[in-house]
Amino acid sequence: MVKSKKEQELLLGTLDMLVLQTLVLGPAHGHTIAHVIEQRSDEVLQIEQGSLYPALHRLEDRGWVSSYWGVSENNRKARFYRLTAAGRKQLTVEANRWQSMVKAIGSVMQNVTRTAEQK
């Protein structure tokens, strides 16, 4: 199924926000970032490498994360990502935008539910 450009942008923006939020906990490599998001969402959100790594590169290009090479818990060379000061500010912007969106969608859905119950 092909998603519209707006749907893709919403998904990308949401993934960016989730990655930034995950990095609040401290530096992590890609596998750990994906695992934390999946765990915290009770396995509802499954992050594919084909989406995660482009998001990490995009966030790094924007200056919201920085990266360095280190050794993973499996003694393998891995690229670790950390949140920058600009990334913390952007996370606040994204979280506020998300809360507004959730509120707006909740209002619409509440009205739909009320209308359905009245029929």
N, C-alpha and C. Protein backbone atom coordinates (compact mmCIF):
# COMPACT_ATOMS: atom_id res chain seq x y z
N MET A 1 0.85 -1.19 0.00
CA MET A 1 0.00 0.00 0.00
C MET A 1 0.88 1.24 0.00
N VAL A 2 0.64 2.14 -0.90
CA VAL A 2 1.41 3.38 -1.01
C VAL A 2 0.76 4.42 -0.11
N LYS A 3 1.54 5.03 0.74
CA LYS A 3 1.04 6.06 1.64
C LYS A 3 1.17 7.42 0.97
N SER A 4 0.26 8.33 1.31
CA SER A 4 0.35 9.67 0.77
C SER A 4 1.57 10.38 1.37
N LYS A 5 1.97 11.48 0.75
CA LYS A 5 3.12 12.23 1.24
C LYS A 5 2.88 12.73 2.66
N LYS A 6 1.66 13.19 2.95
CA LYS A 6 1.35 13.68 4.30
C LYS A 6 1.43 12.56 5.32
N GLU A 7 0.94 11.36 4.97
CA GLU A 7 1.03 10.22 5.89
C GLU A 7 2.49 9.87 6.15
N GLN A 8 3.31 9.87 5.09
CA GLN A 8 4.73 9.57 5.25
C GLN A 8 5.40 10.61 6.14
N GLU A 9 5.07 11.90 5.95
CA GLU A 9 5.66 12.96 6.77
C GLU A 9 5.24 12.82 8.23
N LEU A 10 3.97 12.47 8.47
CA LEU A 10 3.50 12.28 9.84
C LEU A 10 4.25 11.12 10.49
N LEU A 11 4.40 10.02 9.75
CA LEU A 11 5.12 8.87 10.30
C LEU A 11 6.58 9.21 10.55
N LEU A 12 7.21 9.92 9.62
CA LEU A 12 8.61 10.29 9.80
C LEU A 12 8.76 11.22 10.98
N GLY A 13 7.89 12.21 11.09
CA GLY A 13 7.95 13.14 12.21
C GLY A 13 7.75 12.43 13.54
N THR A 14 6.86 11.46 13.55
CA THR A 14 6.61 10.71 14.78
C THR A 14 7.83 9.87 15.13
N LEU A 15 8.42 9.23 14.16
CA LEU A 15 9.62 8.43 14.42
C LEU A 15 10.75 9.32 14.94
N ASP A 16 10.92 10.49 14.33
CA ASP A 16 11.95 11.42 14.81
C ASP A 16 11.72 11.76 16.27
N MET A 17 10.48 12.05 16.62
CA MET A 17 10.15 12.40 18.00
C MET A 17 10.43 11.23 18.94
N LEU A 18 10.08 10.03 18.53
CA LEU A 18 10.31 8.85 19.37
C LEU A 18 11.80 8.59 19.57
N VAL A 19 12.58 8.79 18.52
CA VAL A 19 14.04 8.61 18.63
C VAL A 19 14.61 9.65 19.58
N LEU A 20 14.22 10.91 19.41
CA LEU A 20 14.71 11.97 20.31
C LEU A 20 14.34 11.66 21.75
N GLN A 21 13.12 11.22 21.98
CA GLN A 21 12.68 10.89 23.34
C GLN A 21 13.50 9.73 23.91
N THR A 22 13.79 8.75 23.09
CA THR A 22 14.59 7.60 23.55
C THR A 22 15.99 8.04 23.94
N LEU A 23 16.56 8.99 23.19
CA LEU A 23 17.92 9.44 23.49
C LEU A 23 18.00 10.34 24.72
N VAL A 24 16.85 10.77 25.26
CA VAL A 24 16.86 11.51 26.52
C VAL A 24 17.48 10.62 27.62
N LEU A 25 17.29 9.32 27.48
CA LEU A 25 17.81 8.36 28.46
C LEU A 25 19.34 8.27 28.44
N GLY A 26 19.94 8.69 27.33
CA GLY A 26 21.39 8.64 27.18
C GLY A 26 21.77 8.11 25.81
N PRO A 27 23.06 8.13 25.49
CA PRO A 27 23.51 7.65 24.18
C PRO A 27 23.13 6.19 23.96
N ALA A 28 22.85 5.86 22.70
CA ALA A 28 22.49 4.49 22.35
C ALA A 28 22.80 4.24 20.89
N HIS A 29 22.98 2.97 20.55
CA HIS A 29 23.16 2.63 19.14
C HIS A 29 21.80 2.25 18.56
N GLY A 30 21.73 2.15 17.26
CA GLY A 30 20.47 1.96 16.57
C GLY A 30 19.64 0.79 17.07
N HIS A 31 20.26 -0.35 17.25
CA HIS A 31 19.53 -1.53 17.72
C HIS A 31 18.85 -1.26 19.06
N THR A 32 19.57 -0.61 19.95
CA THR A 32 19.02 -0.30 21.27
C THR A 32 17.87 0.69 21.15
N ILE A 33 18.01 1.70 20.31
CA ILE A 33 16.95 2.69 20.12
C ILE A 33 15.67 1.99 19.66
N ALA A 34 15.78 1.14 18.64
CA ALA A 34 14.62 0.42 18.13
C ALA A 34 14.01 -0.46 19.21
N HIS A 35 14.86 -1.16 19.95
CA HIS A 35 14.39 -2.06 21.01
C HIS A 35 13.64 -1.31 22.10
N VAL A 36 14.17 -0.17 22.52
CA VAL A 36 13.51 0.63 23.57
C VAL A 36 12.13 1.11 23.09
N ILE A 37 12.05 1.60 21.87
CA ILE A 37 10.76 2.06 21.34
C ILE A 37 9.77 0.90 21.29
N GLU A 38 10.23 -0.24 20.82
CA GLU A 38 9.36 -1.41 20.74
C GLU A 38 8.90 -1.84 22.13
N GLN A 39 9.82 -1.90 23.07
CA GLN A 39 9.48 -2.30 24.44
C GLN A 39 8.51 -1.34 25.09
N ARG A 40 8.79 -0.05 24.99
CA ARG A 40 7.95 0.96 25.64
C ARG A 40 6.56 1.04 25.01
N SER A 41 6.41 0.58 23.79
CA SER A 41 5.11 0.59 23.14
C SER A 41 4.41 -0.76 23.27
N ASP A 42 4.90 -1.61 24.16
CA ASP A 42 4.36 -2.97 24.32
C ASP A 42 4.35 -3.72 23.00
N GLU A 43 5.42 -3.53 22.23
CA GLU A 43 5.65 -4.21 20.95
C GLU A 43 4.67 -3.79 19.85
N VAL A 44 3.89 -2.73 20.08
CA VAL A 44 2.97 -2.24 19.05
C VAL A 44 3.75 -1.57 17.93
N LEU A 45 4.74 -0.77 18.30
CA LEU A 45 5.56 -0.07 17.31
C LEU A 45 6.78 -0.92 16.98
N GLN A 46 6.88 -1.35 15.75
CA GLN A 46 8.02 -2.13 15.28
C GLN A 46 8.84 -1.23 14.36
N ILE A 47 10.06 -0.95 14.76
CA ILE A 47 10.91 -0.03 14.02
C ILE A 47 11.84 -0.82 13.09
N GLU A 48 11.67 -0.61 11.82
CA GLU A 48 12.49 -1.29 10.82
C GLU A 48 13.79 -0.52 10.61
N GLN A 49 14.87 -1.25 10.36
CA GLN A 49 16.17 -0.61 10.10
C GLN A 49 16.09 0.34 8.92
N GLY A 50 15.28 -0.01 7.93
CA GLY A 50 15.12 0.82 6.74
C GLY A 50 14.47 2.16 7.03
N SER A 51 13.82 2.28 8.18
CA SER A 51 13.24 3.56 8.60
C SER A 51 14.11 4.23 9.66
N LEU A 52 14.67 3.42 10.56
CA LEU A 52 15.42 3.98 11.68
C LEU A 52 16.69 4.69 11.24
N TYR A 53 17.51 4.05 10.42
CA TYR A 53 18.80 4.65 10.09
C TYR A 53 18.67 5.91 9.24
N PRO A 54 17.75 5.96 8.29
CA PRO A 54 17.55 7.26 7.60
C PRO A 54 17.09 8.34 8.58
N ALA A 55 16.26 7.97 9.56
CA ALA A 55 15.81 8.95 10.56
C ALA A 55 17.01 9.44 11.38
N LEU A 56 17.87 8.54 11.80
CA LEU A 56 19.05 8.93 12.58
C LEU A 56 19.96 9.86 11.77
N HIS A 57 20.14 9.55 10.50
CA HIS A 57 20.97 10.41 9.64
C HIS A 57 20.32 11.78 9.45
N ARG A 58 19.02 11.79 9.28
CA ARG A 58 18.28 13.05 9.14
C ARG A 58 18.41 13.89 10.41
N LEU A 59 18.26 13.27 11.56
CA LEU A 59 18.38 13.98 12.84
C LEU A 59 19.80 14.51 13.04
N GLU A 60 20.76 13.73 12.60
CA GLU A 60 22.16 14.18 12.71
C GLU A 60 22.42 15.36 11.76
N ASP A 61 21.88 15.27 10.54
CA ASP A 61 22.04 16.37 9.57
C ASP A 61 21.43 17.67 10.09
N ARG A 62 20.36 17.55 10.85
CA ARG A 62 19.68 18.74 11.41
C ARG A 62 20.35 19.23 12.69
N GLY A 63 21.32 18.48 13.18
CA GLY A 63 22.03 18.89 14.40
C GLY A 63 21.31 18.53 15.69
N TRP A 64 20.31 17.67 15.60
CA TRP A 64 19.54 17.29 16.78
C TRP A 64 20.14 16.10 17.51
N VAL A 65 20.95 15.32 16.82
CA VAL A 65 21.73 14.26 17.46
C VAL A 65 23.15 14.32 16.92
N SER A 66 24.07 13.80 17.70
CA SER A 66 25.44 13.64 17.23
C SER A 66 25.78 12.16 17.39
N SER A 67 26.84 11.72 16.74
CA SER A 67 27.19 10.31 16.81
C SER A 67 28.69 10.13 17.01
N TYR A 68 29.02 8.97 17.50
CA TYR A 68 30.41 8.59 17.68
C TYR A 68 30.50 7.06 17.63
N TRP A 69 31.71 6.58 17.36
CA TRP A 69 31.92 5.13 17.31
C TRP A 69 32.30 4.63 18.70
N GLY A 70 31.73 3.49 19.06
CA GLY A 70 32.04 2.86 20.34
C GLY A 70 31.89 1.36 20.22
N VAL A 71 31.91 0.69 21.35
CA VAL A 71 31.77 -0.76 21.39
C VAL A 71 30.44 -1.10 22.06
N SER A 72 29.66 -1.95 21.39
CA SER A 72 28.35 -2.33 21.92
C SER A 72 28.51 -3.34 23.05
N GLU A 73 27.38 -3.69 23.66
CA GLU A 73 27.40 -4.67 24.74
C GLU A 73 27.82 -6.05 24.25
N ASN A 74 27.82 -6.26 22.93
CA ASN A 74 28.27 -7.53 22.33
C ASN A 74 29.72 -7.46 21.87
N ASN A 75 30.45 -6.43 22.33
CA ASN A 75 31.85 -6.22 21.94
C ASN A 75 32.01 -6.02 20.44
N ARG A 76 31.03 -5.39 19.82
CA ARG A 76 31.12 -5.08 18.39
C ARG A 76 31.18 -3.57 18.22
N LYS A 77 31.88 -3.16 17.18
CA LYS A 77 31.96 -1.74 16.87
C LYS A 77 30.56 -1.26 16.47
N ALA A 78 30.11 -0.16 17.05
CA ALA A 78 28.77 0.35 16.76
C ALA A 78 28.78 1.87 16.80
N ARG A 79 27.90 2.46 16.05
CA ARG A 79 27.74 3.90 16.06
C ARG A 79 26.70 4.26 17.12
N PHE A 80 27.09 5.10 18.05
CA PHE A 80 26.20 5.54 19.12
C PHE A 80 25.71 6.95 18.81
N TYR A 81 24.47 7.20 19.18
CA TYR A 81 23.84 8.50 18.95
C TYR A 81 23.50 9.13 20.28
N ARG A 82 23.66 10.45 20.36
CA ARG A 82 23.29 11.16 21.58
C ARG A 82 22.54 12.43 21.21
N LEU A 83 21.67 12.85 22.10
CA LEU A 83 20.86 14.04 21.92
C LEU A 83 21.72 15.28 22.12
N THR A 84 21.56 16.27 21.25
CA THR A 84 22.27 17.54 21.40
C THR A 84 21.33 18.53 22.09
N ALA A 85 21.86 19.68 22.47
CA ALA A 85 21.03 20.73 23.07
C ALA A 85 19.93 21.15 22.09
N ALA A 86 20.28 21.27 20.82
CA ALA A 86 19.27 21.61 19.81
C ALA A 86 18.22 20.52 19.70
N GLY A 87 18.63 19.27 19.87
CA GLY A 87 17.69 18.15 19.85
C GLY A 87 16.73 18.18 21.02
N ARG A 88 17.22 18.59 22.18
CA ARG A 88 16.34 18.72 23.36
C ARG A 88 15.28 19.78 23.10
N LYS A 89 15.69 20.89 22.51
CA LYS A 89 14.73 21.95 22.19
C LYS A 89 13.72 21.45 21.17
N GLN A 90 14.19 20.75 20.15
CA GLN A 90 13.29 20.24 19.12
C GLN A 90 12.34 19.21 19.71
N LEU A 91 12.79 18.40 20.63
CA LEU A 91 11.92 17.42 21.27
C LEU A 91 10.77 18.12 21.98
N THR A 92 11.04 19.24 22.63
CA THR A 92 9.99 20.01 23.29
C THR A 92 8.98 20.52 22.27
N VAL A 93 9.48 21.02 21.15
CA VAL A 93 8.59 21.49 20.07
C VAL A 93 7.73 20.34 19.55
N GLU A 94 8.37 19.22 19.28
CA GLU A 94 7.65 18.05 18.74
C GLU A 94 6.64 17.51 19.75
N ALA A 95 7.01 17.45 21.02
CA ALA A 95 6.10 16.94 22.06
C ALA A 95 4.88 17.85 22.19
N ASN A 96 5.09 19.15 22.14
CA ASN A 96 3.96 20.09 22.20
C ASN A 96 3.05 19.94 20.99
N ARG A 97 3.66 19.78 19.83
CA ARG A 97 2.88 19.58 18.60
C ARG A 97 2.08 18.28 18.70
N TRP A 98 2.72 17.24 19.21
CA TRP A 98 2.06 15.93 19.37
C TRP A 98 0.87 16.05 20.32
N GLN A 99 1.06 16.72 21.45
CA GLN A 99 -0.03 16.89 22.41
C GLN A 99 -1.21 17.63 21.79
N SER A 100 -0.94 18.65 21.00
CA SER A 100 -2.00 19.38 20.31
C SER A 100 -2.74 18.47 19.34
N MET A 101 -1.99 17.65 18.63
CA MET A 101 -2.59 16.72 17.66
C MET A 101 -3.45 15.68 18.37
N VAL A 102 -2.95 15.14 19.47
CA VAL A 102 -3.71 14.14 20.23
C VAL A 102 -5.00 14.75 20.77
N LYS A 103 -4.91 15.96 21.26
CA LYS A 103 -6.09 16.65 21.79
C LYS A 103 -7.12 16.87 20.68
N ALA A 104 -6.66 17.33 19.53
CA ALA A 104 -7.57 17.59 18.41
C ALA A 104 -8.22 16.30 17.92
N ILE A 105 -7.44 15.26 17.76
CA ILE A 105 -7.99 13.98 17.31
C ILE A 105 -8.96 13.43 18.35
N GLY A 106 -8.60 13.56 19.63
CA GLY A 106 -9.48 13.11 20.70
C GLY A 106 -10.82 13.82 20.67
N SER A 107 -10.81 15.12 20.40
CA SER A 107 -12.05 15.89 20.31
C SER A 107 -12.92 15.40 19.16
N VAL A 108 -12.29 15.17 18.03
CA VAL A 108 -13.04 14.69 16.87
C VAL A 108 -13.63 13.31 17.16
N MET A 109 -12.82 12.42 17.71
CA MET A 109 -13.28 11.07 17.96
C MET A 109 -14.35 11.04 19.05
N GLN A 110 -14.25 11.90 20.02
CA GLN A 110 -15.27 11.97 21.08
C GLN A 110 -16.60 12.39 20.47
N ASN A 111 -16.55 13.35 19.57
CA ASN A 111 -17.78 13.81 18.90
C ASN A 111 -18.37 12.70 18.03
N VAL A 112 -17.53 11.93 17.36
CA VAL A 112 -17.98 10.81 16.54
C VAL A 112 -18.66 9.77 17.42
N THR A 113 -18.06 9.48 18.57
CA THR A 113 -18.61 8.49 19.49
C THR A 113 -19.97 8.95 20.02
N ARG A 114 -20.05 10.22 20.40
CA ARG A 114 -21.33 10.77 20.91
C ARG A 114 -22.41 10.68 19.85
N THR A 115 -22.07 11.05 18.61
CA THR A 115 -23.04 11.02 17.52
C THR A 115 -23.51 9.59 17.27
N ALA A 116 -22.59 8.64 17.29
CA ALA A 116 -22.94 7.23 17.07
C ALA A 116 -23.84 6.71 18.19
N GLU A 117 -23.60 7.14 19.42
CA GLU A 117 -24.40 6.69 20.55
C GLU A 117 -25.80 7.28 20.51
N GLN A 118 -25.96 8.46 19.92
CA GLN A 118 -27.25 9.11 19.87
C GLN A 118 -28.17 8.50 18.82
N LYS A 119 -27.60 7.79 17.88
CA LYS A 119 -28.41 7.20 16.78
C LYS A 119 -29.05 5.92 17.18
